[in-house]
Structure formats: structure tokens, C-alpha cells
C-alpha atoms as a PDB file:
ATOM      1  CA  MET A   1     -11.710   3.404   9.351  1.00  0.00           C
ATOM      2  CA  ALA A   2     -10.523  -0.224   9.790  1.00  0.00           C
ATOM      3  CA  VAL A   3     -13.482  -3.493   9.498  1.00  0.00           C
ATOM      4  CA  THR A   4     -13.448  -5.833  12.194  1.00  0.00           C
ATOM      5  CA  SER A   5     -15.347  -8.695  10.399  1.00  0.00           C
ATOM      6  CA  ASP A   6     -15.499 -10.738   7.848  1.00  0.00           C
ATOM      7  CA  LYS A   7     -19.033 -10.213   6.342  1.00  0.00           C
ATOM      8  CA  ALA A   8     -18.779 -12.188   2.958  1.00  0.00           C
ATOM      9  CA  PRO A   9     -20.546 -15.153   2.413  1.00  0.00           C
ATOM     10  CA  ARG A  10     -18.699 -18.538   3.141  1.00  0.00           C
ATOM     11  CA  LYS A  11     -19.541 -21.463   2.362  1.00  0.00           C
ATOM     12  CA  PHE A  12     -16.574 -24.180   2.279  1.00  0.00           C
ATOM     13  CA  LYS A  13     -17.420 -26.810   4.458  1.00  0.00           C
ATOM     14  CA  GLY A  14     -14.243 -28.255   5.173  1.00  0.00           C
ATOM     15  CA  ILE A  15     -13.503 -25.935   7.887  1.00  0.00           C
ATOM     16  CA  CYS A  16     -14.692 -26.274  11.562  1.00  0.00           C
ATOM     17  CA  LYS A  17     -13.391 -23.547  13.463  1.00  0.00           C
ATOM     18  CA  SER A  18     -12.494 -20.233  12.415  1.00  0.00           C
ATOM     19  CA  VAL A  19      -9.152 -18.886  13.724  1.00  0.00           C
ATOM     20  CA  LYS A  20      -7.941 -15.385  13.831  1.00  0.00           C
ATOM     21  CA  LYS A  21      -4.120 -14.566  13.642  1.00  0.00           C
ATOM     22  CA  GLY A  22      -1.878 -12.238  11.701  1.00  0.00           C
ATOM     23  CA  LEU A  23      -0.459 -14.381   8.877  1.00  0.00           C
ATOM     24  CA  ILE A  24       3.436 -14.336   8.280  1.00  0.00           C
ATOM     25  CA  ILE A  25       3.311 -14.547   4.092  1.00  0.00           C
ATOM     26  CA  VAL A  26       5.856 -15.366   2.005  1.00  0.00           C
ATOM     27  CA  HIS A  27       6.229 -14.681  -2.050  1.00  0.00           C
ATOM     28  CA  THR A  28       9.628 -16.453  -3.353  1.00  0.00           C
ATOM     29  CA  GLY A  29      10.678 -17.962  -6.930  1.00  0.00           C
ATOM     30  CA  LYS A  30      12.439 -16.697  -9.688  1.00  0.00           C
ATOM     31  CA  GLY A  31       9.541 -14.950 -11.955  1.00  0.00           C
ATOM     32  CA  GLU A  32       8.431 -12.245 -11.562  1.00  0.00           C
ATOM     33  CA  GLY A  33       5.761 -10.161  -9.559  1.00  0.00           C
ATOM     34  CA  LYS A  34       6.689 -10.908  -5.645  1.00  0.00           C
ATOM     35  CA  SER A  35       7.283  -7.187  -4.949  1.00  0.00           C
ATOM     36  CA  THR A  36       4.246  -6.444  -6.900  1.00  0.00           C
ATOM     37  CA  ALA A  37       2.126  -9.149  -5.299  1.00  0.00           C
ATOM     38  CA  ALA A  38       3.009  -7.181  -1.621  1.00  0.00           C
ATOM     39  CA  PHE A  39       2.167  -4.220  -2.806  1.00  0.00           C
ATOM     40  CA  GLY A  40      -0.790  -4.945  -4.155  1.00  0.00           C
ATOM     41  CA  THR A  41      -1.777  -6.235  -0.548  1.00  0.00           C
ATOM     42  CA  VAL A  42      -0.848  -2.786   1.048  1.00  0.00           C
ATOM     43  CA  VAL A  43      -2.822  -1.281  -1.653  1.00  0.00           C
ATOM     44  CA  ARG A  44      -5.980  -3.445  -0.045  1.00  0.00           C
ATOM     45  CA  ALA A  45      -4.774  -3.022   3.645  1.00  0.00           C
ATOM     46  CA  LEU A  46      -4.639   1.036   3.170  1.00  0.00           C
ATOM     47  CA  GLY A  47      -8.300   0.467   1.344  1.00  0.00           C
ATOM     48  CA  TRP A  48      -9.436  -0.550   4.573  1.00  0.00           C
ATOM     49  CA  GLY A  49      -7.959   1.992   6.646  1.00  0.00           C
ATOM     50  CA  HIS A  50      -5.233   0.126   7.949  1.00  0.00           C
ATOM     51  CA  LYS A  51      -1.429   1.404   8.530  1.00  0.00           C
ATOM     52  CA  VAL A  52       1.191  -0.249   6.618  1.00  0.00           C
ATOM     53  CA  GLY A  53       5.158  -0.248   7.034  1.00  0.00           C
ATOM     54  CA  ILE A  54       7.214  -1.221   4.470  1.00  0.00           C
ATOM     55  CA  VAL A  55      11.726  -1.869   5.043  1.00  0.00           C
ATOM     56  CA  GLN A  56      13.368  -2.501   1.399  1.00  0.00           C
ATOM     57  CA  PHE A  57      16.221  -4.273   1.553  1.00  0.00           C
ATOM     58  CA  MET A  58      18.212  -4.105  -1.860  1.00  0.00           C
ATOM     59  CA  LYS A  59      16.062  -1.239  -3.493  1.00  0.00           C
ATOM     60  CA  GLY A  60      17.605   1.730  -1.855  1.00  0.00           C
ATOM     61  CA  PRO A  61      18.269   4.422  -4.358  1.00  0.00           C
ATOM     62  CA  TRP A  62      15.851   2.960  -6.960  1.00  0.00           C
ATOM     63  CA  LYS A  63      13.165   5.297  -8.115  1.00  0.00           C
ATOM     64  CA  THR A  64      10.497   2.841  -8.098  1.00  0.00           C
ATOM     65  CA  GLY A  65       6.620   3.580  -9.051  1.00  0.00           C
ATOM     66  CA  GLU A  66       5.017   1.778  -6.395  1.00  0.00           C
ATOM     67  CA  VAL A  67       7.105   3.644  -3.664  1.00  0.00           C
ATOM     68  CA  GLU A  68       6.060   6.984  -5.173  1.00  0.00           C
ATOM     69  CA  PHE A  69       2.666   5.895  -5.213  1.00  0.00           C
ATOM     70  CA  LEU A  70       3.022   5.059  -1.097  1.00  0.00           C
ATOM     71  CA  ARG A  71       4.660   8.438  -0.678  1.00  0.00           C
ATOM     72  CA  LYS A  72       1.048   9.876  -0.963  1.00  0.00           C
ATOM     73  CA  PHE A  73      -0.257   8.015   2.151  1.00  0.00           C
ATOM     74  CA  PRO A  74       2.050   9.851   4.564  1.00  0.00           C
ATOM     75  CA  GLY A  75       1.056   8.529   8.419  1.00  0.00           C
ATOM     76  CA  ARG A  76      -0.615   5.699   6.876  1.00  0.00           C
ATOM     77  CA  CYS A  77       2.095   3.947   4.984  1.00  0.00           C
ATOM     78  CA  ASP A  78       6.112   4.320   5.923  1.00  0.00           C
ATOM     79  CA  ILE A  79       8.586   3.344   3.687  1.00  0.00           C
ATOM     80  CA  LEU A  80      12.038   2.969   4.914  1.00  0.00           C
ATOM     81  CA  SER A  81      14.553   1.971   1.902  1.00  0.00           C
ATOM     82  CA  PHE A  82      18.239   0.595   2.114  1.00  0.00           C
ATOM     83  CA  GLY A  83      20.906  -1.228   0.078  1.00  0.00           C
ATOM     84  CA  ASN A  84      22.723   0.107  -2.826  1.00  0.00           C
ATOM     85  CA  GLY A  85      20.891  -2.250  -5.723  1.00  0.00           C
ATOM     86  CA  PHE A  86      21.012  -6.171  -6.217  1.00  0.00           C
ATOM     87  CA  THR A  87      23.184  -8.560  -4.749  1.00  0.00           C
ATOM     88  CA  TRP A  88      24.604  -9.551  -8.274  1.00  0.00           C
ATOM     89  CA  ASP A  89      25.862  -5.879  -8.605  1.00  0.00           C
ATOM     90  CA  THR A  90      27.231  -5.522  -5.397  1.00  0.00           C
ATOM     91  CA  ARG A  91      30.411  -4.146  -4.869  1.00  0.00           C
ATOM     92  CA  ASP A  92      30.819  -3.836  -1.307  1.00  0.00           C
ATOM     93  CA  PHE A  93      29.932  -7.100   0.785  1.00  0.00           C
ATOM     94  CA  ALA A  94      31.046  -5.676   3.428  1.00  0.00           C
ATOM     95  CA  LYS A  95      28.868  -2.486   3.137  1.00  0.00           C
ATOM     96  CA  ASP A  96      25.791  -4.709   1.844  1.00  0.00           C
ATOM     97  CA  VAL A  97      26.096  -6.701   5.080  1.00  0.00           C
ATOM     98  CA  GLN A  98      25.960  -3.759   7.419  1.00  0.00           C
ATOM     99  CA  LEU A  99      22.969  -1.858   5.039  1.00  0.00           C
ATOM    100  CA  ALA A 100      20.943  -4.920   5.852  1.00  0.00           C
ATOM    101  CA  ARG A 101      21.556  -5.185   9.228  1.00  0.00           C
ATOM    102  CA  LYS A 102      20.501  -1.330   9.608  1.00  0.00           C
ATOM    103  CA  ALA A 103      17.489  -2.364   7.323  1.00  0.00           C
ATOM    104  CA  TRP A 104      16.708  -5.733  10.124  1.00  0.00           C
ATOM    105  CA  LYS A 105      16.511  -3.417  13.088  1.00  0.00           C
ATOM    106  CA  GLN A 106      14.133  -1.085  11.186  1.00  0.00           C
ATOM    107  CA  CYS A 107      11.911  -4.516  10.561  1.00  0.00           C
ATOM    108  CA  CYS A 108      12.275  -5.523  14.387  1.00  0.00           C
ATOM    109  CA  ALA A 109      11.116  -1.680  15.628  1.00  0.00           C
ATOM    110  CA  ILE A 110       7.840  -2.143  12.669  1.00  0.00           C
ATOM    111  CA  LEU A 111       7.236  -5.758  13.514  1.00  0.00           C
ATOM    112  CA  LYS A 112       6.707  -4.746  17.631  1.00  0.00           C
ATOM    113  CA  ASP A 113       4.818  -1.723  16.596  1.00  0.00           C
ATOM    114  CA  LYS A 114       1.428  -1.799  17.400  1.00  0.00           C
ATOM    115  CA  GLN A 115       0.353   0.701  14.867  1.00  0.00           C
ATOM    116  CA  TYR A 116       0.957  -1.001  12.281  1.00  0.00           C
ATOM    117  CA  PHE A 117      -1.271  -3.485  10.387  1.00  0.00           C
ATOM    118  CA  LEU A 118       1.055  -4.813   7.868  1.00  0.00           C
ATOM    119  CA  VAL A 119       4.437  -5.002   7.700  1.00  0.00           C
ATOM    120  CA  VAL A 120       6.356  -6.389   4.207  1.00  0.00           C
ATOM    121  CA  PHE A 121      10.034  -7.010   4.250  1.00  0.00           C
ATOM    122  CA  ASP A 122      10.405  -6.476   0.523  1.00  0.00           C
ATOM    123  CA  GLU A 123      13.261  -8.317  -0.798  1.00  0.00           C
ATOM    124  CA  ILE A 124      14.332  -9.681   2.617  1.00  0.00           C
ATOM    125  CA  ASN A 125      14.822 -13.459   1.251  1.00  0.00           C
ATOM    126  CA  TYR A 126      17.777 -12.316  -0.918  1.00  0.00           C
ATOM    127  CA  ALA A 127      19.244 -10.853   2.334  1.00  0.00           C
ATOM    128  CA  MET A 128      18.970 -14.150   4.174  1.00  0.00           C
ATOM    129  CA  LYS A 129      20.309 -16.399   0.998  1.00  0.00           C
ATOM    130  CA  TYR A 130      23.576 -14.618   0.920  1.00  0.00           C
ATOM    131  CA  ASN A 131      23.901 -14.770   4.307  1.00  0.00           C
ATOM    132  CA  PHE A 132      23.750 -11.222   5.290  1.00  0.00           C
ATOM    133  CA  LEU A 133      21.303 -12.092   7.620  1.00  0.00           C
ATOM    134  CA  ASP A 134      20.780 -14.780   9.902  1.00  0.00           C
ATOM    135  CA  VAL A 135      17.870 -16.842   8.896  1.00  0.00           C
ATOM    136  CA  LYS A 136      17.556 -18.155  12.448  1.00  0.00           C
ATOM    137  CA  LYS A 137      17.564 -14.635  13.909  1.00  0.00           C
ATOM    138  CA  VAL A 138      14.632 -13.935  11.518  1.00  0.00           C
ATOM    139  CA  VAL A 139      12.988 -16.891  12.575  1.00  0.00           C
ATOM    140  CA  ARG A 140      13.046 -16.167  16.132  1.00  0.00           C
ATOM    141  CA  GLU A 141      11.838 -12.536  15.714  1.00  0.00           C
ATOM    142  CA  LEU A 142       9.017 -13.512  13.479  1.00  0.00           C
ATOM    143  CA  ARG A 143       7.604 -16.109  16.336  1.00  0.00           C
ATOM    144  CA  ARG A 144       7.370 -13.142  18.606  1.00  0.00           C
ATOM    145  CA  LYS A 145       5.370 -10.931  16.454  1.00  0.00           C
ATOM    146  CA  PRO A 146       2.007  -9.709  18.046  1.00  0.00           C
ATOM    147  CA  VAL A 147      -0.391 -12.449  17.451  1.00  0.00           C
ATOM    148  CA  PHE A 148      -2.279 -10.328  14.891  1.00  0.00           C
ATOM    149  CA  LYS A 149       0.102  -8.457  12.781  1.00  0.00           C
ATOM    150  CA  HIS A 150       0.274  -9.568   9.198  1.00  0.00           C
ATOM    151  CA  VAL A 151       3.975  -9.618   7.676  1.00  0.00           C
ATOM    152  CA  MET A 152       5.134 -10.354   4.084  1.00  0.00           C
ATOM    153  CA  LEU A 153       8.425 -11.622   2.951  1.00  0.00           C
ATOM    154  CA  THR A 154       9.680 -11.392  -0.507  1.00  0.00           C
ATOM    155  CA  GLY A 155      11.987 -12.060  -2.969  1.00  0.00           C
ATOM    156  CA  ASN A 156      13.609 -15.273  -4.650  1.00  0.00           C
ATOM    157  CA  GLY A 157      15.431 -17.780  -2.435  1.00  0.00           C
ATOM    158  CA  ALA A 158      13.076 -17.906   1.084  1.00  0.00           C
ATOM    159  CA  PRO A 159      15.111 -20.189   3.315  1.00  0.00           C
ATOM    160  CA  GLY A 160      13.127 -23.429   4.392  1.00  0.00           C
ATOM    161  CA  GLU A 161      13.041 -22.301   7.768  1.00  0.00           C
ATOM    162  CA  ILE A 162      11.002 -19.533   6.733  1.00  0.00           C
ATOM    163  CA  ILE A 163       8.826 -21.139   4.524  1.00  0.00           C
ATOM    164  CA  ARG A 164       7.913 -23.679   7.361  1.00  0.00           C
ATOM    165  CA  ILE A 165       6.703 -21.155   9.920  1.00  0.00           C
ATOM    166  CA  ALA A 166       4.727 -19.049   6.971  1.00  0.00           C
ATOM    167  CA  ASP A 167       1.280 -19.367   6.784  1.00  0.00           C
ATOM    168  CA  GLN A 168       1.162 -18.943   3.095  1.00  0.00           C
ATOM    169  CA  VAL A 169       3.895 -19.167   0.618  1.00  0.00           C
ATOM    170  CA  THR A 170       3.635 -18.477  -3.582  1.00  0.00           C
ATOM    171  CA  GLU A 171       6.272 -19.175  -5.385  1.00  0.00           C
ATOM    172  CA  MET A 172       6.279 -16.990  -8.504  1.00  0.00           C
ATOM    173  CA  LYS A 173       8.004 -19.309 -11.614  1.00  0.00           C
ATOM    174  CA  CYS A 174       8.657 -17.593 -14.693  1.00  0.00           C
ATOM    175  CA  ILE A 175       7.582 -18.961 -18.301  1.00  0.00           C
ATOM    176  CA  LYS A 176       8.303 -16.345 -20.245  1.00  0.00           C
ATOM    177  CA  HIS A 177      10.109 -13.138 -19.743  1.00  0.00           C
ATOM    178  CA  PRO A 178      10.711  -9.887 -22.051  1.00  0.00           C
ATOM    179  CA  TYR A 179      14.564  -9.617 -21.241  1.00  0.00           C
ATOM    180  CA  GLN A 180      14.852 -12.733 -22.938  1.00  0.00           C
ATOM    181  CA  LYS A 181      13.849 -10.834 -26.215  1.00  0.00           C
ATOM    182  CA  GLY A 182      16.387  -7.804 -24.794  1.00  0.00           C
ATOM    183  CA  ILE A 183      13.669  -5.456 -23.850  1.00  0.00           C
ATOM    184  CA  ASN A 184      14.787  -3.691 -20.725  1.00  0.00           C
ATOM    185  CA  ALA A 185      12.613  -3.239 -17.674  1.00  0.00           C
ATOM    186  CA  GLN A 186       9.686  -0.422 -18.243  1.00  0.00           C
ATOM    187  CA  PRO A 187       8.853   2.360 -15.695  1.00  0.00           C
ATOM    188  CA  GLY A 188       5.610   1.864 -14.697  1.00  0.00           C
ATOM    189  CA  ILE A 189       5.433  -1.968 -15.595  1.00  0.00           C
ATOM    190  CA  ASP A 190       8.362  -3.153 -14.077  1.00  0.00           C
ATOM    191  CA  TYR A 191       9.261  -0.755 -11.446  1.00  0.00           C
END
């Protein structure tokens, strides 16, 4: 059951008028945690009974803990994965562009679909950064989204045009990483 009103106490005096709208949220930067933060919000939305749609760019064939977990919510969380791995592993640029465009077509469909409260376009910033997608087309569709639909975009290199239209932008910064000590990514922690 979805909650329709915020009953949490609010004492901040700086807000004169409350506005309700769907947010465009961007997680970008060179640090870890962009997708992880988005999946945390997915869990939060599911906890309130909302339906969520996720389109993953780049991570097509990978098995990840978050996807394995979220597949336990059929009908409440739809996940569509595209791509052949990350851009620095590209073996066929033309195919990567084709897969990104196929993923974007799915993004447009779930963006317009009224049943979804939250949609996540995971790693889409890379697709724009590497010119797999036209940033102007992405911005145009985001501007047309339903008023109360929430959209999250993840990945390093979020274009300035995306940052400008976003309601919230968080930049992850790496201070220290286990990879620098030769420690590889680990299931349950990194994926």
C-alpha cells in the first residue's frame, strides 16, 4: 500500500511552500556507490508498496547480488539489462551503440508508463559520455516525464545538460579503493 502523505515532523523554516513533484536524481562521479545508492532507493520505494522499473546499460551479462535480490519481487520490480560490459571493455563499438539505443527505447517506454513510481536508468551516464546516446534526446524525454514520476540516472560523467535539469545531483568521490592494493571486486560487496 503506497503512502500518499508525509507525516514526518518538519521544522525547517526555510521552506515557505511545499511542492510535490517527481524528481530527477543523478548519481555520478569517479567513486563507488552510484548504482548502490540507486538500488537503496529502489528498496525504499518497494518498501512503500510502489512499483519500480530499472533499465541497466552496460551490465548486460553480469550476475549481480542486487539484481538477484530484486528479481524476488516479480510484478513490483521490473529489470531490463542491456550491454556487453563496461565501455572500456568494448569489442564492437557499433554493437554497443545499438544496445544502448535499444536500452534507451525501453527507458522511454517505462518513463511514460504510469504504473511505475520510480525508474532507474543505471549506467546511462556512460552511454551519454561515450556518445552511444544523444544527450539532447535524453533531456527532451526527461522533460516530458509524468509530473510525479521519479527518475534516477547513474554512472560517471553525467553531462552538464543532465546536471542542469536534475533536481538532485550527488557526486561520488573515491578517497581510497581496495583495487589500489590489488584486491579485486567481491560478490556481496561490490556486485
